[in-house]
Amino acid sequence: MFYNIFKIRKKKDKEKKEVKKPEIIVDIHEKNSMIIAELSGSEEITLKIKHLKIGDYLIGNIIIERKTVGDFINSMINKRLMVQINQMKKYEKRLIIIEGKKRDYELENKNLKKSINGFIVSIMTNNQIPIIKTKNYKETAKYLIIIAKQQQKKKYDMTLHSRIPKTIKEQKKYILESFPRIGPKKAELLLKKFNSLKEIFNADEDELKEILKSQTKEFKDILNDRTFYS
């Protein structure tokens, strides 16, 4: 009798220790992509292939649309991307991944390049959808796994903006948090020190180092970059 109770307790303790793997749901149309092959080989996540009416990947309550550079440009021109963006608004958390190497972003048409830059800014600010740029399918898969693991954690600072910014202050924080490695705390500190986005963007490196420290150069490089691919 005591032996059986001990076995039951041991079994329950073992079940408690077993952590459920985070889940990534993939649209069936992505099943032949190299990303799926990369994800299926990971022991960190559980992969499920289903028909998604919206987006290419669903992780928790985050809907994700993946585009190669060429597909992004074509779908922007034929306005298909705008339709997809409006559909994504059914989800509170949204993300777009643009996949391609630096040379894929090199465009001879300067007006087209300007339009693309403006469209990206519009997606991030007017539609509140963060954008991640990846070099290839392997890097895309890594980001998807990181997002899945973050979603499983109970407490974490998330840079994918869990709520839609409504006030001007929230919108300013949203823009700052779109920069690499700038979370809610650093965004708040920057706004307290400089008051406006204009003052932050115009500040020199010495002024920014107090808050951004080693991230200062990366922050300024992004602001000063004139190419489509940063």
Protein backbone atom coordinates (compact mmCIF):
# COMPACT_ATOMS: atom_id res chain seq x y z
CA MET A 1 0.00 0.00 0.00
CA PHE A 2 2.73 2.48 0.96
CA TYR A 3 4.72 1.37 -2.10
CA ASN A 4 1.83 2.17 -4.44
CA ILE A 5 1.33 5.64 -2.90
CA PHE A 6 5.04 6.30 -3.32
CA LYS A 7 4.85 5.30 -6.99
CA ILE A 8 1.86 7.58 -7.60
CA ARG A 9 3.58 10.54 -5.95
CA LYS A 10 6.77 9.90 -7.91
CA LYS A 11 4.80 9.80 -11.15
CA LYS A 12 3.07 13.09 -10.34
CA ASP A 13 6.38 14.76 -9.48
CA LYS A 14 7.80 13.59 -12.79
CA GLU A 15 4.82 15.00 -14.69
CA LYS A 16 5.28 18.36 -12.97
CA LYS A 17 8.92 18.51 -14.02
CA GLU A 18 8.10 17.79 -17.66
CA VAL A 19 7.77 21.13 -19.43
CA LYS A 20 5.47 21.34 -22.41
CA LYS A 21 7.26 22.50 -25.54
CA PRO A 22 6.07 25.78 -27.11
CA GLU A 23 3.94 25.31 -30.22
CA ILE A 24 4.36 26.81 -33.67
CA ILE A 25 1.43 26.46 -36.06
CA VAL A 26 2.37 26.70 -39.73
CA ASP A 27 0.08 27.35 -42.67
CA ILE A 28 -0.17 24.37 -45.01
CA HIS A 29 1.08 26.49 -47.92
CA GLU A 30 4.45 26.80 -46.14
CA LYS A 31 4.88 23.03 -45.74
CA ASN A 32 7.46 22.71 -48.54
CA SER A 33 9.62 25.64 -47.40
CA MET A 34 13.10 25.15 -45.97
CA ILE A 35 11.92 26.87 -42.78
CA ILE A 36 9.64 23.93 -42.02
CA ALA A 37 12.53 21.52 -42.49
CA GLU A 38 14.59 23.63 -40.09
CA LEU A 39 11.81 23.84 -37.49
CA SER A 40 10.96 20.15 -37.66
CA GLY A 41 14.54 19.34 -36.72
CA SER A 42 14.34 21.42 -33.53
CA GLU A 43 13.76 19.70 -30.20
CA GLU A 44 12.77 23.01 -28.57
CA ILE A 45 9.32 23.36 -30.15
CA THR A 46 6.28 21.40 -31.29
CA LEU A 47 5.39 21.96 -34.94
CA LYS A 48 1.85 21.70 -36.29
CA ILE A 49 0.78 22.21 -39.91
CA LYS A 50 -2.75 23.54 -40.39
CA HIS A 51 -4.73 25.70 -42.78
CA LEU A 52 -4.44 29.31 -41.59
CA LYS A 53 -6.88 31.80 -43.09
CA ILE A 54 -4.56 34.64 -42.04
CA GLY A 55 -0.75 34.72 -42.00
CA ASP A 56 1.90 32.05 -42.40
CA TYR A 57 2.68 31.26 -38.75
CA LEU A 58 0.70 31.41 -35.53
CA ILE A 59 2.60 31.39 -32.24
CA GLY A 60 0.38 31.79 -29.20
CA ASN A 61 -1.71 34.84 -30.12
CA ILE A 62 0.89 36.32 -32.51
CA ILE A 63 0.10 36.09 -36.21
CA ILE A 64 3.16 36.22 -38.46
CA GLU A 65 3.41 36.94 -42.18
CA ARG A 66 6.68 35.96 -43.88
CA LYS A 67 7.81 37.55 -47.12
CA THR A 68 10.91 37.24 -49.24
CA VAL A 69 12.20 40.62 -50.42
CA GLY A 70 10.85 40.02 -53.93
CA ASP A 71 7.43 38.94 -52.67
CA PHE A 72 7.30 41.93 -50.30
CA ILE A 73 7.95 44.37 -53.15
CA ASN A 74 5.51 42.68 -55.56
CA SER A 75 2.73 42.39 -52.98
CA MET A 76 3.27 46.05 -52.05
CA ILE A 77 2.93 47.13 -55.70
CA ASN A 78 -0.19 45.03 -56.42
CA LYS A 79 -1.64 46.05 -53.01
CA ARG A 80 -2.05 42.42 -51.88
CA LEU A 81 0.10 43.15 -48.83
CA MET A 82 -2.26 45.90 -47.68
CA VAL A 83 -5.13 43.40 -47.77
CA GLN A 84 -3.07 40.94 -45.72
CA ILE A 85 -2.15 43.66 -43.20
CA ASN A 86 -5.82 44.54 -42.71
CA GLN A 87 -6.62 40.86 -42.16
CA MET A 88 -3.84 40.58 -39.58
CA LYS A 89 -5.55 43.26 -37.50
CA LYS A 90 -7.95 40.57 -36.30
CA TYR A 91 -5.07 39.52 -34.04
CA GLU A 92 -3.90 41.81 -31.24
CA LYS A 93 -0.25 40.83 -31.80
CA ARG A 94 1.17 40.89 -35.31
CA LEU A 95 4.57 40.55 -36.95
CA ILE A 96 6.01 40.67 -40.46
CA ILE A 97 9.27 38.91 -41.35
CA ILE A 98 11.11 40.03 -44.50
CA GLU A 99 13.63 37.42 -45.62
CA GLY A 100 16.55 38.14 -47.93
CA LYS A 101 20.24 38.91 -48.23
CA LYS A 102 21.63 42.44 -48.56
CA ARG A 103 22.00 42.19 -52.33
CA ASP A 104 18.27 41.42 -52.64
CA TYR A 105 17.54 44.94 -51.39
CA GLU A 106 19.72 46.68 -53.98
CA LEU A 107 17.35 48.50 -56.31
CA GLU A 108 18.22 50.73 -59.26
CA ASN A 109 14.92 52.55 -59.14
CA LYS A 110 15.40 55.24 -56.47
CA ASN A 111 11.72 56.17 -56.42
CA LEU A 112 10.75 52.55 -55.77
CA LYS A 113 13.32 52.31 -52.97
CA LYS A 114 11.89 55.50 -51.42
CA SER A 115 8.37 54.08 -51.67
CA ILE A 116 9.45 50.84 -49.97
CA ASN A 117 11.10 52.72 -47.10
CA GLY A 118 7.97 54.82 -46.64
CA PHE A 119 5.73 51.76 -46.75
CA ILE A 120 7.81 49.98 -44.08
CA VAL A 121 7.57 53.01 -41.79
CA SER A 122 3.80 53.12 -42.39
CA ILE A 123 3.43 49.44 -41.48
CA MET A 124 5.30 49.95 -38.22
CA THR A 125 3.75 53.26 -37.14
CA ASN A 126 0.27 53.48 -38.69
CA ASN A 127 -0.56 49.78 -38.53
CA GLN A 128 1.42 48.92 -35.37
CA ILE A 129 3.08 45.89 -36.94
CA PRO A 130 6.76 45.32 -36.08
CA ILE A 131 9.06 44.12 -38.87
CA ILE A 132 12.01 41.73 -38.53
CA LYS A 133 14.52 41.36 -41.38
CA THR A 134 16.29 38.02 -41.71
CA LYS A 135 19.07 36.91 -44.07
CA ASN A 136 17.78 33.41 -44.85
CA TYR A 137 15.43 30.60 -43.84
CA LYS A 138 17.74 29.46 -41.03
CA GLU A 139 17.65 32.89 -39.39
CA THR A 140 13.87 33.06 -39.85
CA ALA A 141 13.49 29.68 -38.12
CA LYS A 142 15.67 30.86 -35.22
CA TYR A 143 13.49 33.94 -34.70
CA LEU A 144 10.32 31.82 -34.75
CA ILE A 145 11.75 29.50 -32.10
CA ILE A 146 12.80 32.48 -29.93
CA ILE A 147 9.29 33.97 -30.19
CA ALA A 148 7.71 30.61 -29.30
CA LYS A 149 9.94 30.24 -26.24
CA GLN A 150 9.20 33.80 -25.12
CA GLN A 151 5.46 33.22 -25.44
CA GLN A 152 5.72 30.29 -23.06
CA LYS A 153 7.32 32.37 -20.31
CA LYS A 154 4.96 33.92 -17.77
CA LYS A 155 6.97 37.07 -17.17
CA TYR A 156 9.07 38.79 -19.79
CA ASP A 157 9.52 42.17 -21.46
CA MET A 158 8.22 41.72 -24.94
CA THR A 159 9.16 44.00 -27.83
CA LEU A 160 6.32 42.85 -30.09
CA HIS A 161 3.95 45.28 -28.36
CA SER A 162 1.23 43.33 -26.59
CA ARG A 163 -1.29 46.16 -26.87
CA ILE A 164 -2.15 48.68 -29.57
CA PRO A 165 -0.75 52.12 -28.63
CA LYS A 166 -3.51 54.72 -28.36
CA THR A 167 -1.98 57.78 -26.68
CA ILE A 168 0.83 59.84 -28.19
CA LYS A 169 3.16 58.68 -25.40
CA GLU A 170 2.39 55.02 -26.15
CA GLN A 171 2.98 55.61 -29.87
CA LYS A 172 6.37 57.19 -29.19
CA LYS A 173 7.36 54.27 -26.95
CA TYR A 174 6.17 51.86 -29.64
CA ILE A 175 8.48 53.41 -32.23
CA LEU A 176 11.48 53.31 -29.87
CA GLU A 177 10.81 49.69 -28.90
CA SER A 178 10.97 48.77 -32.61
CA PHE A 179 14.73 49.37 -32.49
CA PRO A 180 16.93 46.33 -31.67
CA ARG A 181 17.41 45.67 -27.93
CA ILE A 182 15.36 48.66 -26.81
CA GLY A 183 12.65 47.51 -24.44
CA PRO A 184 9.96 49.37 -22.46
CA LYS A 185 12.36 50.54 -19.72
CA LYS A 186 14.93 52.10 -22.05
CA ALA A 187 12.21 53.66 -24.19
CA GLU A 188 10.74 55.26 -21.07
CA LEU A 189 14.14 56.58 -19.94
CA LEU A 190 14.87 58.07 -23.37
CA LEU A 191 11.54 59.90 -23.44
CA LYS A 192 12.04 61.23 -19.91
CA LYS A 193 15.49 62.57 -20.79
CA PHE A 194 14.77 64.02 -24.24
CA ASN A 195 10.96 64.58 -24.17
CA SER A 196 10.42 64.05 -27.93
CA LEU A 197 11.41 61.59 -30.66
CA LYS A 198 12.97 64.45 -32.63
CA GLU A 199 15.32 65.28 -29.77
CA ILE A 200 16.21 61.61 -29.29
CA PHE A 201 16.99 61.11 -32.98
CA ASN A 202 19.03 64.32 -33.14
CA ALA A 203 20.97 63.64 -29.93
CA ASP A 204 24.68 62.87 -30.28
CA GLU A 205 26.23 59.61 -29.11
CA ASP A 206 27.60 61.06 -25.87
CA GLU A 207 24.11 62.13 -24.79
CA LEU A 208 22.60 58.74 -25.67
CA LYS A 209 25.33 56.66 -24.01
CA GLU A 210 23.96 57.44 -20.55
CA ILE A 211 20.96 55.24 -21.34
CA LEU A 212 21.87 53.09 -24.34
CA LYS A 213 25.50 52.42 -23.35
CA SER A 214 27.03 49.92 -25.84
CA GLN A 215 23.88 50.02 -27.99
CA THR A 216 24.39 53.69 -28.85
CA LYS A 217 26.39 53.17 -32.05
CA GLU A 218 23.93 50.58 -33.38
CA PHE A 219 21.04 52.95 -32.65
CA LYS A 220 22.71 55.86 -34.48
CA ASP A 221 23.79 53.65 -37.39
CA ILE A 222 20.16 52.64 -38.00
CA LEU A 223 19.01 56.26 -37.86
CA ASN A 224 21.71 57.40 -40.29
CA ASP A 225 21.42 54.46 -42.68
CA ARG A 226 20.21 55.44 -46.15
CA THR A 227 19.71 51.98 -47.62
CA PHE A 228 16.59 49.83 -47.61
CA TYR A 229 18.39 47.04 -45.76
CA SER A 230 19.84 48.04 -42.38
